[in-house]
PDB file of N, CA and C in Angstrom:
ATOM      1  N   UNK A   1       3.666  10.365  31.350  1.00  0.00           N
ATOM      2  CA  UNK A   1       2.657  11.547  30.819  1.00  0.00           C
ATOM      3  C   UNK A   1       2.887  11.570  29.551  1.00  0.00           C
ATOM      4  N   UNK A   2       3.913  11.699  28.331  1.00  0.00           N
ATOM      5  CA  UNK A   2       4.098  12.140  27.577  1.00  0.00           C
ATOM      6  C   UNK A   2       3.108  11.050  26.397  1.00  0.00           C
ATOM      7  N   UNK A   3       2.770   9.789  27.174  1.00  0.00           N
ATOM      8  CA  UNK A   3       2.483   8.911  26.590  1.00  0.00           C
ATOM      9  C   UNK A   3       0.820   8.867  26.259  1.00  0.00           C
ATOM     10  N   UNK A   4       0.237   9.873  27.829  1.00  0.00           N
ATOM     11  CA  UNK A   4      -1.030  10.035  27.574  1.00  0.00           C
ATOM     12  C   UNK A   4      -1.355  11.348  27.072  1.00  0.00           C
ATOM     13  N   UNK A   5      -0.735  12.095  26.841  1.00  0.00           N
ATOM     14  CA  UNK A   5      -0.401  13.581  25.900  1.00  0.00           C
ATOM     15  C   UNK A   5      -0.058  12.656  24.016  1.00  0.00           C
ATOM     16  N   UNK A   6       0.024  12.046  24.153  1.00  0.00           N
ATOM     17  CA  UNK A   6      -0.418  11.514  22.743  1.00  0.00           C
ATOM     18  C   UNK A   6      -1.377  11.280  22.033  1.00  0.00           C
ATOM     19  N   UNK A   7      -1.843  10.081  23.172  1.00  0.00           N
ATOM     20  CA  UNK A   7      -2.993   9.460  23.534  1.00  0.00           C
ATOM     21  C   UNK A   7      -4.039  10.504  23.139  1.00  0.00           C
ATOM     22  N   UNK A   8      -4.025  11.507  23.786  1.00  0.00           N
ATOM     23  CA  UNK A   8      -5.207  12.434  23.782  1.00  0.00           C
ATOM     24  C   UNK A   8      -5.127  12.933  22.728  1.00  0.00           C
ATOM     25  N   UNK A   9      -4.230  13.356  21.888  1.00  0.00           N
ATOM     26  CA  UNK A   9      -3.940  14.324  20.906  1.00  0.00           C
ATOM     27  C   UNK A   9      -4.917  13.441  20.027  1.00  0.00           C
ATOM     28  N   UNK A  10      -4.007  11.798  19.651  1.00  0.00           N
ATOM     29  CA  UNK A  10      -4.784  11.210  18.644  1.00  0.00           C
ATOM     30  C   UNK A  10      -6.210  11.009  18.695  1.00  0.00           C
ATOM     31  N   UNK A  11      -6.777  10.836  19.569  1.00  0.00           N
ATOM     32  CA  UNK A  11      -8.309  10.913  20.604  1.00  0.00           C
ATOM     33  C   UNK A  11      -9.100  11.876  19.779  1.00  0.00           C
ATOM     34  N   UNK A  12      -8.174  13.365  20.023  1.00  0.00           N
ATOM     35  CA  UNK A  12      -8.581  14.665  19.382  1.00  0.00           C
ATOM     36  C   UNK A  12      -8.724  14.698  17.963  1.00  0.00           C
ATOM     37  N   UNK A  13      -7.825  14.026  17.213  1.00  0.00           N
ATOM     38  CA  UNK A  13      -8.004  13.749  15.566  1.00  0.00           C
ATOM     39  C   UNK A  13      -8.855  12.640  15.505  1.00  0.00           C
ATOM     40  N   UNK A  14      -9.577  11.267  15.842  1.00  0.00           N
ATOM     41  CA  UNK A  14     -10.136  10.825  16.071  1.00  0.00           C
ATOM     42  C   UNK A  14     -11.173  11.380  15.708  1.00  0.00           C
ATOM     43  N   UNK A  15     -11.982  12.416  16.797  1.00  0.00           N
ATOM     44  CA  UNK A  15     -13.381  12.915  17.003  1.00  0.00           C
ATOM     45  C   UNK A  15     -13.250  14.004  15.763  1.00  0.00           C
ATOM     46  N   UNK A  16     -12.244  14.718  15.653  1.00  0.00           N
ATOM     47  CA  UNK A  16     -12.087  16.145  14.341  1.00  0.00           C
ATOM     48  C   UNK A  16     -12.754  15.317  13.007  1.00  0.00           C
ATOM     49  N   UNK A  17     -11.696  13.385  12.850  1.00  0.00           N
ATOM     50  CA  UNK A  17     -11.886  12.988  11.462  1.00  0.00           C
ATOM     51  C   UNK A  17     -13.066  12.860  11.691  1.00  0.00           C
ATOM     52  N   UNK A  18     -13.990  12.585  12.933  1.00  0.00           N
ATOM     53  CA  UNK A  18     -15.556  11.895  12.926  1.00  0.00           C
ATOM     54  C   UNK A  18     -16.432  12.880  12.231  1.00  0.00           C
ATOM     55  N   UNK A  19     -15.966  14.238  13.011  1.00  0.00           N
ATOM     56  CA  UNK A  19     -17.156  15.301  12.630  1.00  0.00           C
ATOM     57  C   UNK A  19     -17.213  16.214  10.966  1.00  0.00           C
ATOM     58  N   UNK A  20     -15.398  15.251  10.898  1.00  0.00           N
ATOM     59  CA  UNK A  20     -15.743  16.649   9.807  1.00  0.00           C
ATOM     60  C   UNK A  20     -15.343  15.719   8.589  1.00  0.00           C
ATOM     61  N   UNK A  21     -15.646  14.311   8.461  1.00  0.00           N
ATOM     62  CA  UNK A  21     -15.241  13.113   7.585  1.00  0.00           C
ATOM     63  C   UNK A  21     -15.194  12.179   7.236  1.00  0.00           C
ATOM     64  N   UNK A  22     -16.978  12.434   6.628  1.00  0.00           N
ATOM     65  CA  UNK A  22     -17.205  10.622   6.593  1.00  0.00           C
ATOM     66  C   UNK A  22     -16.558  10.023   5.477  1.00  0.00           C
ATOM     67  N   UNK A  23     -15.793  10.257   4.914  1.00  0.00           N
ATOM     68  CA  UNK A  23     -14.465   9.348   3.585  1.00  0.00           C
ATOM     69  C   UNK A  23     -14.116   8.532   4.927  1.00  0.00           C
ATOM     70  N   UNK A  24     -13.312   9.011   6.224  1.00  0.00           N
ATOM     71  CA  UNK A  24     -12.164   8.506   6.756  1.00  0.00           C
ATOM     72  C   UNK A  24     -13.424   7.974   7.639  1.00  0.00           C
ATOM     73  N   UNK A  25     -14.991   8.050   7.821  1.00  0.00           N
ATOM     74  CA  UNK A  25     -15.474   7.086   9.335  1.00  0.00           C
ATOM     75  C   UNK A  25     -14.995   6.066   9.177  1.00  0.00           C
ATOM     76  N   UNK A  26     -14.449   5.194   8.067  1.00  0.00           N
ATOM     77  CA  UNK A  26     -14.711   4.010   8.074  1.00  0.00           C
ATOM     78  C   UNK A  26     -12.984   3.576   8.692  1.00  0.00           C
ATOM     79  N   UNK A  27     -12.283   4.712   8.321  1.00  0.00           N
ATOM     80  CA  UNK A  27     -10.943   3.997   9.087  1.00  0.00           C
ATOM     81  C   UNK A  27     -10.687   4.305  10.270  1.00  0.00           C
ATOM     82  N   UNK A  28     -10.949   5.512  10.472  1.00  0.00           N
ATOM     83  CA  UNK A  28     -11.365   5.855  12.204  1.00  0.00           C
ATOM     84  C   UNK A  28     -12.101   5.223  12.773  1.00  0.00           C
ATOM     85  N   UNK A  29     -12.942   4.089  12.591  1.00  0.00           N
ATOM     86  CA  UNK A  29     -13.769   2.989  13.340  1.00  0.00           C
ATOM     87  C   UNK A  29     -12.792   1.907  13.335  1.00  0.00           C
ATOM     88  N   UNK A  30     -12.124   1.590  12.088  1.00  0.00           N
ATOM     89  CA  UNK A  30     -10.777   0.025  12.124  1.00  0.00           C
ATOM     90  C   UNK A  30      -9.464   0.659  13.322  1.00  0.00           C
ATOM     91  N   UNK A  31      -9.614   1.765  13.318  1.00  0.00           N
ATOM     92  CA  UNK A  31      -8.151   2.533  13.981  1.00  0.00           C
ATOM     93  C   UNK A  31      -8.852   1.798  15.394  1.00  0.00           C
ATOM     94  N   UNK A  32     -10.162   2.626  15.718  1.00  0.00           N
ATOM     95  CA  UNK A  32     -10.477   2.387  17.121  1.00  0.00           C
ATOM     96  C   UNK A  32     -10.777   0.644  17.600  1.00  0.00           C
ATOM     97  N   UNK A  33     -11.208   0.087  16.520  1.00  0.00           N
ATOM     98  CA  UNK A  33     -11.000  -1.311  17.076  1.00  0.00           C
ATOM     99  C   UNK A  33      -9.816  -2.080  17.141  1.00  0.00           C
ATOM    100  N   UNK A  34      -8.346  -1.375  16.724  1.00  0.00           N
ATOM    101  CA  UNK A  34      -7.418  -1.924  16.943  1.00  0.00           C
ATOM    102  C   UNK A  34      -6.842  -1.703  17.625  1.00  0.00           C
ATOM    103  N   UNK A  35      -7.271  -0.662  18.390  1.00  0.00           N
ATOM    104  CA  UNK A  35      -6.982  -0.229  19.935  1.00  0.00           C
ATOM    105  C   UNK A  35      -7.343  -1.584  21.413  1.00  0.00           C
TER     106      UNK A  35
END
C-alpha cells in the first residue's frame, strides 16, 4: 500500500511539472521512460 501511495504522489508531481514547467518537461519525460 505504501508503495502505491508514493507512486500516486510521484505521478501527481509529474503531472504538475508537465502542466506548469516547460523547462522540466524533458526531465519528466526521461523519468517516465526509465520506469
